């Protein structure tokens, strides 16, 4: 298990909690280990990224937040056997609300504390339930790993 990645994700969620009273993350099945990976994720307001890292160009990250997409999904992928972060994956996230249309986007590779993570912006509503489905592929591998999480958005 990569403790730096865990600290980073928890740190970003803590910053989100400081700027959004009542913020929280409800996913009882985290982290999830499957297909040889340990998978972590966090959701935070896009504005927190701009406050937390104003000098890192995050306003332009993933093309910048689109109107109506005020939250950032951050996924950490760790090799379960070695504990090393995986930096060459292709990850697609499909976020489906309990009521409404799903959103699907490719998560883009980004650097978090000198290691790889993946993310993109999504429209999420406070106190709504979602299902987050991740599809993970690695170059040179025929295997695809699919992981699902139930998530209640509290931000």
N, C-alpha and C. Protein backbone atom coordinates (compact mmCIF):
# COMPACT_ATOMS: atom_id res chain seq x y z
N UNK A 1 0.85 -1.18 0.00
CA UNK A 1 0.00 0.00 0.00
C UNK A 1 0.89 1.23 0.00
N UNK A 2 0.55 2.22 -0.83
CA UNK A 2 1.36 3.40 -0.99
C UNK A 2 0.86 4.48 -0.04
N UNK A 3 1.58 4.70 1.06
CA UNK A 3 1.12 5.62 2.09
C UNK A 3 1.14 7.07 1.61
N UNK A 4 2.04 7.42 0.70
CA UNK A 4 2.08 8.79 0.20
C UNK A 4 0.81 9.10 -0.59
N UNK A 5 0.36 8.16 -1.41
CA UNK A 5 -0.87 8.36 -2.17
C UNK A 5 -2.06 8.50 -1.23
N UNK A 6 -2.10 7.66 -0.22
CA UNK A 6 -3.19 7.73 0.75
C UNK A 6 -3.17 9.09 1.45
N UNK A 7 -1.98 9.54 1.89
CA UNK A 7 -1.87 10.84 2.55
C UNK A 7 -2.32 11.97 1.63
N UNK A 8 -1.95 11.89 0.35
CA UNK A 8 -2.33 12.93 -0.60
C UNK A 8 -3.84 12.98 -0.77
N UNK A 9 -4.45 11.83 -1.00
CA UNK A 9 -5.91 11.79 -1.17
C UNK A 9 -6.61 12.29 0.09
N UNK A 10 -6.15 11.83 1.25
CA UNK A 10 -6.76 12.27 2.49
C UNK A 10 -6.53 13.75 2.74
N UNK A 11 -5.35 14.24 2.35
CA UNK A 11 -5.05 15.66 2.50
C UNK A 11 -5.96 16.51 1.65
N UNK A 12 -6.18 16.11 0.39
CA UNK A 12 -7.07 16.87 -0.48
C UNK A 12 -8.49 16.84 0.05
N UNK A 13 -8.92 15.70 0.56
CA UNK A 13 -10.27 15.62 1.13
C UNK A 13 -10.38 16.47 2.38
N UNK A 14 -9.30 16.55 3.17
CA UNK A 14 -9.31 17.39 4.36
C UNK A 14 -9.42 18.86 3.97
N UNK A 15 -8.66 19.27 2.96
CA UNK A 15 -8.76 20.65 2.47
C UNK A 15 -10.19 20.92 2.01
N UNK A 16 -10.79 19.98 1.31
CA UNK A 16 -12.17 20.15 0.86
C UNK A 16 -13.10 20.33 2.05
N UNK A 17 -12.88 19.56 3.10
CA UNK A 17 -13.73 19.65 4.28
C UNK A 17 -13.59 21.02 4.95
N UNK A 18 -12.40 21.59 4.91
CA UNK A 18 -12.19 22.90 5.52
C UNK A 18 -12.93 24.00 4.77
N UNK A 19 -13.05 23.86 3.45
CA UNK A 19 -13.68 24.90 2.65
C UNK A 19 -15.15 24.63 2.38
N UNK A 20 -15.63 23.45 2.70
CA UNK A 20 -17.04 23.12 2.46
C UNK A 20 -17.61 22.48 3.72
N UNK A 21 -18.13 23.28 4.65
CA UNK A 21 -18.67 22.72 5.88
C UNK A 21 -19.70 21.64 5.58
N UNK A 22 -19.61 20.56 6.32
CA UNK A 22 -20.52 19.44 6.13
C UNK A 22 -20.06 18.51 5.03
N UNK A 23 -18.88 18.79 4.46
CA UNK A 23 -18.39 17.93 3.38
C UNK A 23 -18.07 16.56 3.91
N UNK A 24 -18.19 15.58 3.06
CA UNK A 24 -17.86 14.23 3.47
C UNK A 24 -17.83 13.32 2.27
N UNK A 25 -17.36 12.16 2.49
CA UNK A 25 -17.21 11.19 1.41
C UNK A 25 -17.77 9.88 1.94
N UNK A 26 -18.81 9.39 1.32
CA UNK A 26 -19.44 8.17 1.80
C UNK A 26 -19.22 7.05 0.80
N UNK A 27 -18.20 6.27 1.02
CA UNK A 27 -17.94 5.10 0.20
C UNK A 27 -17.36 4.04 1.12
N UNK A 28 -18.20 3.14 1.57
CA UNK A 28 -17.79 2.16 2.56
C UNK A 28 -16.84 1.12 1.98
N UNK A 29 -16.73 1.05 0.67
CA UNK A 29 -15.93 0.01 0.06
C UNK A 29 -14.56 0.50 -0.42
N UNK A 30 -13.99 1.50 0.26
CA UNK A 30 -12.67 2.02 -0.10
C UNK A 30 -11.62 1.58 0.88
N UNK A 31 -10.38 1.37 0.48
CA UNK A 31 -10.02 1.14 -0.91
C UNK A 31 -10.51 -0.22 -1.36
N UNK A 32 -10.49 -0.43 -2.66
CA UNK A 32 -10.94 -1.70 -3.23
C UNK A 32 -9.75 -2.33 -3.94
N UNK A 33 -9.51 -3.61 -3.63
CA UNK A 33 -8.43 -4.34 -4.29
C UNK A 33 -9.04 -5.38 -5.21
N UNK A 34 -8.66 -5.30 -6.48
CA UNK A 34 -9.15 -6.26 -7.47
C UNK A 34 -8.28 -6.19 -8.72
N UNK A 35 -8.20 -7.30 -9.42
CA UNK A 35 -7.45 -7.35 -10.67
C UNK A 35 -5.98 -7.01 -10.51
N UNK A 36 -5.44 -7.17 -9.31
CA UNK A 36 -4.03 -6.86 -9.08
C UNK A 36 -3.77 -5.41 -8.69
N UNK A 37 -4.83 -4.62 -8.53
CA UNK A 37 -4.69 -3.21 -8.18
C UNK A 37 -5.41 -2.91 -6.87
N UNK A 38 -4.91 -1.92 -6.16
CA UNK A 38 -5.65 -1.30 -5.08
C UNK A 38 -6.08 0.06 -5.60
N UNK A 39 -7.38 0.33 -5.51
CA UNK A 39 -7.97 1.51 -6.12
C UNK A 39 -8.49 2.43 -5.02
N UNK A 40 -8.11 3.70 -5.13
CA UNK A 40 -8.56 4.74 -4.22
C UNK A 40 -9.25 5.81 -5.05
N UNK A 41 -10.21 6.52 -4.47
CA UNK A 41 -10.73 7.69 -5.16
C UNK A 41 -11.18 8.73 -4.15
N UNK A 42 -11.25 9.95 -4.63
CA UNK A 42 -11.74 11.07 -3.84
C UNK A 42 -12.45 12.04 -4.76
N UNK A 43 -13.38 12.79 -4.21
CA UNK A 43 -14.10 13.81 -4.95
C UNK A 43 -13.97 15.11 -4.17
N UNK A 44 -13.61 16.19 -4.87
CA UNK A 44 -13.51 17.47 -4.20
C UNK A 44 -13.95 18.58 -5.13
N UNK A 45 -14.36 19.71 -4.55
CA UNK A 45 -14.77 20.83 -5.39
C UNK A 45 -13.60 21.29 -6.26
N UNK A 46 -13.89 21.65 -7.50
CA UNK A 46 -12.85 22.12 -8.41
C UNK A 46 -12.16 23.35 -7.83
N UNK A 47 -12.89 24.19 -7.16
CA UNK A 47 -12.31 25.40 -6.57
C UNK A 47 -11.23 25.11 -5.54
N UNK A 48 -11.33 23.98 -4.87
CA UNK A 48 -10.32 23.61 -3.88
C UNK A 48 -8.97 23.40 -4.57
N UNK A 49 -8.99 22.80 -5.76
CA UNK A 49 -7.75 22.61 -6.50
C UNK A 49 -7.10 23.95 -6.81
N UNK A 50 -7.91 24.92 -7.19
CA UNK A 50 -7.37 26.23 -7.53
C UNK A 50 -6.81 26.93 -6.30
N UNK A 51 -7.44 26.74 -5.14
CA UNK A 51 -6.93 27.33 -3.91
C UNK A 51 -5.70 26.59 -3.40
N UNK A 52 -5.74 25.25 -3.50
CA UNK A 52 -4.67 24.41 -2.96
C UNK A 52 -3.41 24.48 -3.81
N UNK A 53 -3.56 24.59 -5.13
CA UNK A 53 -2.41 24.57 -6.03
C UNK A 53 -2.53 25.65 -7.10
N UNK A 54 -2.63 26.94 -6.72
CA UNK A 54 -2.85 27.98 -7.71
C UNK A 54 -1.70 28.15 -8.70
N UNK A 55 -0.51 27.76 -8.32
CA UNK A 55 0.66 27.94 -9.18
C UNK A 55 0.95 26.73 -10.05
N UNK A 56 0.12 25.70 -10.02
CA UNK A 56 0.38 24.48 -10.79
C UNK A 56 -0.44 24.39 -12.07
N UNK A 57 -1.13 25.45 -12.44
CA UNK A 57 -1.88 25.43 -13.69
C UNK A 57 -3.14 24.58 -13.64
N UNK A 58 -3.68 24.33 -12.45
CA UNK A 58 -4.84 23.45 -12.33
C UNK A 58 -6.09 24.04 -12.98
N UNK A 59 -6.09 25.36 -13.22
CA UNK A 59 -7.25 25.96 -13.90
C UNK A 59 -7.36 25.42 -15.32
N UNK A 60 -6.26 24.96 -15.89
CA UNK A 60 -6.26 24.42 -17.24
C UNK A 60 -6.24 22.89 -17.27
N UNK A 61 -6.06 22.27 -16.11
CA UNK A 61 -5.99 20.81 -16.03
C UNK A 61 -7.26 20.20 -16.61
N UNK A 62 -7.11 19.18 -17.40
CA UNK A 62 -8.23 18.48 -18.06
C UNK A 62 -9.06 19.44 -18.91
N UNK A 63 -8.46 20.52 -19.38
CA UNK A 63 -9.20 21.51 -20.16
C UNK A 63 -9.94 22.51 -19.28
N UNK A 64 -9.74 22.43 -17.98
CA UNK A 64 -10.43 23.31 -17.03
C UNK A 64 -11.82 22.80 -16.74
N UNK A 65 -12.37 23.17 -15.59
CA UNK A 65 -13.74 22.73 -15.30
C UNK A 65 -14.72 23.36 -16.28
N UNK A 66 -15.63 22.54 -16.79
CA UNK A 66 -16.66 23.03 -17.69
C UNK A 66 -17.82 23.56 -16.86
N UNK A 67 -18.60 24.45 -17.44
CA UNK A 67 -19.76 24.97 -16.73
C UNK A 67 -20.64 23.81 -16.28
N UNK A 68 -20.98 23.77 -15.02
CA UNK A 68 -21.82 22.70 -14.49
C UNK A 68 -21.04 21.49 -14.01
N UNK A 69 -19.72 21.52 -14.13
CA UNK A 69 -18.87 20.41 -13.66
C UNK A 69 -17.98 20.91 -12.53
N UNK A 70 -18.54 21.20 -11.39
CA UNK A 70 -17.75 21.84 -10.34
C UNK A 70 -16.97 20.90 -9.42
N UNK A 71 -16.92 19.61 -9.73
CA UNK A 71 -16.21 18.67 -8.86
C UNK A 71 -15.18 17.87 -9.63
N UNK A 72 -14.13 17.48 -8.93
CA UNK A 72 -13.03 16.75 -9.53
C UNK A 72 -12.95 15.35 -8.92
N UNK A 73 -13.00 14.34 -9.78
CA UNK A 73 -12.81 12.95 -9.36
C UNK A 73 -11.33 12.64 -9.48
N UNK A 74 -10.72 12.17 -8.42
CA UNK A 74 -9.31 11.82 -8.38
C UNK A 74 -9.20 10.34 -8.05
N UNK A 75 -8.50 9.58 -8.89
CA UNK A 75 -8.33 8.14 -8.70
C UNK A 75 -6.86 7.82 -8.56
N UNK A 76 -6.53 7.06 -7.54
CA UNK A 76 -5.19 6.55 -7.35
C UNK A 76 -5.18 5.05 -7.61
N UNK A 77 -4.21 4.60 -8.38
CA UNK A 77 -4.11 3.19 -8.75
C UNK A 77 -2.74 2.68 -8.31
N UNK A 78 -2.75 1.62 -7.49
CA UNK A 78 -1.52 1.07 -6.92
C UNK A 78 -1.44 -0.41 -7.27
N UNK A 79 -0.25 -0.86 -7.65
CA UNK A 79 -0.02 -2.28 -7.87
C UNK A 79 -0.14 -2.97 -6.51
N UNK A 80 -1.08 -3.89 -6.39
CA UNK A 80 -1.36 -4.51 -5.09
C UNK A 80 -0.18 -5.33 -4.57
N UNK A 81 0.60 -5.91 -5.46
CA UNK A 81 1.73 -6.76 -5.05
C UNK A 81 2.93 -5.93 -4.59
N UNK A 82 3.27 -4.90 -5.36
CA UNK A 82 4.49 -4.14 -5.06
C UNK A 82 4.24 -2.86 -4.27
N UNK A 83 3.02 -2.34 -4.31
CA UNK A 83 2.72 -1.08 -3.64
C UNK A 83 3.11 0.14 -4.46
N UNK A 84 3.58 -0.07 -5.70
CA UNK A 84 3.99 1.04 -6.56
C UNK A 84 2.79 1.65 -7.25
N UNK A 85 2.82 2.97 -7.41
CA UNK A 85 1.76 3.63 -8.16
C UNK A 85 1.85 3.24 -9.63
N UNK A 86 0.69 3.10 -10.24
CA UNK A 86 0.60 2.74 -11.65
C UNK A 86 0.41 4.03 -12.44
N UNK A 87 1.32 4.29 -13.37
CA UNK A 87 1.29 5.54 -14.11
C UNK A 87 1.00 5.40 -15.58
N UNK A 88 0.72 4.19 -16.06
CA UNK A 88 0.51 4.00 -17.49
C UNK A 88 -0.87 3.44 -17.83
N UNK A 89 -1.81 3.60 -16.94
CA UNK A 89 -3.15 3.04 -17.17
C UNK A 89 -4.00 4.00 -17.99
N UNK A 90 -5.00 3.44 -18.63
CA UNK A 90 -6.06 4.21 -19.26
C UNK A 90 -7.31 3.93 -18.45
N UNK A 91 -7.90 4.96 -17.88
CA UNK A 91 -9.05 4.79 -16.99
C UNK A 91 -10.21 5.62 -17.51
N UNK A 92 -11.36 4.99 -17.59
CA UNK A 92 -12.60 5.68 -17.94
C UNK A 92 -13.52 5.59 -16.73
N UNK A 93 -14.14 6.71 -16.39
CA UNK A 93 -15.10 6.74 -15.28
C UNK A 93 -16.48 7.01 -15.83
N UNK A 94 -17.43 6.23 -15.37
CA UNK A 94 -18.84 6.44 -15.69
C UNK A 94 -19.53 6.68 -14.34
N UNK A 95 -20.11 7.86 -14.18
CA UNK A 95 -20.78 8.22 -12.94
C UNK A 95 -22.28 8.29 -13.23
N UNK A 96 -23.03 7.43 -12.55
CA UNK A 96 -24.46 7.33 -12.79
C UNK A 96 -25.22 7.73 -11.52
N UNK A 97 -26.06 8.76 -11.62
CA UNK A 97 -26.85 9.14 -10.45
C UNK A 97 -28.01 8.17 -10.25
N UNK A 98 -28.55 8.17 -9.04
CA UNK A 98 -29.71 7.31 -8.76
C UNK A 98 -30.86 7.68 -9.71
N UNK A 99 -30.98 8.95 -10.03
CA UNK A 99 -31.98 9.42 -11.00
C UNK A 99 -31.25 10.35 -11.96
N UNK A 100 -31.38 10.09 -13.24
CA UNK A 100 -30.75 10.99 -14.21
C UNK A 100 -29.82 10.24 -15.16
N UNK A 101 -29.16 11.02 -15.99
CA UNK A 101 -28.30 10.48 -17.03
C UNK A 101 -26.88 10.31 -16.52
N UNK A 102 -26.21 9.22 -16.95
CA UNK A 102 -24.81 9.02 -16.56
C UNK A 102 -23.88 9.98 -17.30
N UNK A 103 -22.73 10.21 -16.70
CA UNK A 103 -21.65 10.98 -17.31
C UNK A 103 -20.48 10.03 -17.48
N UNK A 104 -19.83 10.07 -18.61
CA UNK A 104 -18.67 9.21 -18.83
C UNK A 104 -17.54 10.05 -19.40
N UNK A 105 -16.36 9.92 -18.77
CA UNK A 105 -15.19 10.66 -19.22
C UNK A 105 -13.94 9.82 -19.02
N UNK A 106 -12.97 10.06 -19.86
CA UNK A 106 -11.65 9.47 -19.68
C UNK A 106 -10.96 10.26 -18.57
N UNK A 107 -10.34 9.54 -17.64
CA UNK A 107 -9.58 10.21 -16.59
C UNK A 107 -8.17 10.45 -17.12
N UNK A 108 -7.69 11.65 -16.95
CA UNK A 108 -6.39 12.01 -17.47
C UNK A 108 -5.32 11.83 -16.40
N UNK A 109 -4.15 11.40 -16.86
CA UNK A 109 -3.02 11.21 -15.95
C UNK A 109 -2.57 12.57 -15.43
N UNK A 110 -2.26 12.62 -14.16
CA UNK A 110 -1.76 13.83 -13.53
C UNK A 110 -0.74 13.43 -12.47
N UNK A 111 0.06 14.36 -12.03
CA UNK A 111 1.06 14.09 -11.01
C UNK A 111 0.58 14.64 -9.68
N UNK A 112 0.57 13.78 -8.67
CA UNK A 112 0.20 14.16 -7.32
C UNK A 112 1.33 13.71 -6.41
N UNK A 113 1.97 14.69 -5.76
CA UNK A 113 3.12 14.39 -4.89
C UNK A 113 4.13 13.48 -5.59
N UNK A 114 4.54 13.85 -6.76
CA UNK A 114 5.55 13.18 -7.59
C UNK A 114 5.17 11.76 -8.00
N UNK A 115 3.92 11.42 -7.92
CA UNK A 115 3.44 10.12 -8.39
C UNK A 115 2.22 10.30 -9.28
N UNK A 116 1.83 9.23 -9.95
CA UNK A 116 0.72 9.28 -10.89
C UNK A 116 -0.62 9.15 -10.19
N UNK A 117 -1.59 9.87 -10.71
CA UNK A 117 -2.99 9.73 -10.34
C UNK A 117 -3.78 10.07 -11.61
N UNK A 118 -5.09 9.94 -11.54
CA UNK A 118 -5.93 10.16 -12.71
C UNK A 118 -7.14 10.97 -12.28
N UNK A 119 -7.61 11.87 -13.16
CA UNK A 119 -8.75 12.66 -12.76
C UNK A 119 -9.44 13.35 -13.91
N UNK A 120 -10.63 13.90 -13.57
CA UNK A 120 -11.37 14.74 -14.50
C UNK A 120 -12.52 15.38 -13.71
N UNK A 121 -13.18 16.33 -14.36
CA UNK A 121 -14.27 17.06 -13.74
C UNK A 121 -15.63 16.44 -14.07
N UNK A 122 -16.54 16.49 -13.08
CA UNK A 122 -17.88 15.94 -13.24
C UNK A 122 -18.88 16.84 -12.52
N UNK A 123 -20.13 16.78 -12.97
CA UNK A 123 -21.22 17.48 -12.30
C UNK A 123 -21.82 16.54 -11.26
N UNK A 124 -21.75 16.92 -10.00
CA UNK A 124 -22.33 16.13 -8.91
C UNK A 124 -23.14 17.05 -8.03
N UNK A 125 -24.22 16.53 -7.48
CA UNK A 125 -25.09 17.32 -6.63
C UNK A 125 -25.00 16.84 -5.19
N UNK A 126 -25.03 17.80 -4.29
CA UNK A 126 -24.93 17.50 -2.87
C UNK A 126 -26.05 16.58 -2.41
N UNK A 127 -25.69 15.63 -1.56
CA UNK A 127 -26.62 14.67 -0.95
C UNK A 127 -27.32 13.78 -1.97
N UNK A 128 -26.67 13.53 -3.09
CA UNK A 128 -27.18 12.61 -4.08
C UNK A 128 -26.32 11.35 -4.09
N UNK A 129 -26.95 10.23 -4.43
CA UNK A 129 -26.24 8.95 -4.53
C UNK A 129 -25.82 8.70 -5.97
N UNK A 130 -24.62 8.12 -6.09
CA UNK A 130 -24.07 7.82 -7.41
C UNK A 130 -23.43 6.44 -7.40
N UNK A 131 -23.31 5.87 -8.58
CA UNK A 131 -22.50 4.67 -8.78
C UNK A 131 -21.35 5.10 -9.67
N UNK A 132 -20.14 4.85 -9.22
CA UNK A 132 -18.94 5.18 -10.00
C UNK A 132 -18.37 3.88 -10.52
N UNK A 133 -18.35 3.75 -11.85
CA UNK A 133 -17.79 2.58 -12.51
C UNK A 133 -16.49 2.98 -13.19
N UNK A 134 -15.42 2.29 -12.85
CA UNK A 134 -14.12 2.55 -13.46
C UNK A 134 -13.75 1.39 -14.36
N UNK A 135 -13.26 1.69 -15.56
CA UNK A 135 -12.72 0.69 -16.47
C UNK A 135 -11.24 1.00 -16.61
N UNK A 136 -10.40 0.01 -16.26
CA UNK A 136 -8.95 0.21 -16.22
C UNK A 136 -8.29 -0.71 -17.23
N UNK A 137 -7.45 -0.13 -18.08
CA UNK A 137 -6.68 -0.90 -19.07
C UNK A 137 -5.23 -0.49 -18.96
N UNK A 138 -4.35 -1.44 -19.20
CA UNK A 138 -2.91 -1.16 -19.24
C UNK A 138 -2.37 -1.49 -20.62
N UNK A 139 -1.45 -0.69 -21.13
CA UNK A 139 -0.85 -0.99 -22.43
C UNK A 139 -0.21 -2.38 -22.42
N UNK A 140 -0.40 -3.11 -23.49
CA UNK A 140 0.20 -4.44 -23.62
C UNK A 140 -0.54 -5.54 -22.90
N UNK A 141 -1.64 -5.21 -22.25
CA UNK A 141 -2.42 -6.22 -21.52
C UNK A 141 -3.80 -6.35 -22.15
N UNK A 142 -4.22 -7.56 -22.36
CA UNK A 142 -5.56 -7.80 -22.91
C UNK A 142 -6.62 -7.69 -21.81
N UNK A 143 -6.19 -7.75 -20.57
CA UNK A 143 -7.13 -7.73 -19.44
C UNK A 143 -7.67 -6.33 -19.19
N UNK A 144 -8.94 -6.26 -18.87
CA UNK A 144 -9.59 -5.03 -18.45
C UNK A 144 -10.13 -5.27 -17.05
N UNK A 145 -9.89 -4.33 -16.16
CA UNK A 145 -10.41 -4.42 -14.80
C UNK A 145 -11.54 -3.42 -14.67
N UNK A 146 -12.67 -3.90 -14.14
CA UNK A 146 -13.80 -3.03 -13.89
C UNK A 146 -14.09 -3.01 -12.40
N UNK A 147 -14.19 -1.82 -11.86
CA UNK A 147 -14.46 -1.65 -10.43
C UNK A 147 -15.63 -0.69 -10.27
N UNK A 148 -16.51 -0.98 -9.33
CA UNK A 148 -17.68 -0.14 -9.07
C UNK A 148 -17.70 0.27 -7.61
N UNK A 149 -18.15 1.50 -7.40
CA UNK A 149 -18.25 2.05 -6.04
C UNK A 149 -19.60 2.73 -5.90
N UNK A 150 -20.21 2.57 -4.75
CA UNK A 150 -21.40 3.35 -4.40
C UNK A 150 -20.90 4.56 -3.65
N UNK A 151 -21.42 5.72 -4.02
CA UNK A 151 -20.91 6.97 -3.47
C UNK A 151 -22.07 7.93 -3.19
N UNK A 152 -22.08 8.52 -2.03
CA UNK A 152 -23.03 9.57 -1.70
C UNK A 152 -22.25 10.86 -1.60
N UNK A 153 -22.60 11.80 -2.45
CA UNK A 153 -21.86 13.05 -2.53
C UNK A 153 -22.31 14.00 -1.43
N UNK A 154 -21.38 14.44 -0.61
CA UNK A 154 -21.70 15.29 0.54
C UNK A 154 -21.17 16.72 0.40
N UNK A 155 -20.41 17.01 -0.65
CA UNK A 155 -19.82 18.34 -0.80
C UNK A 155 -20.81 19.33 -1.38
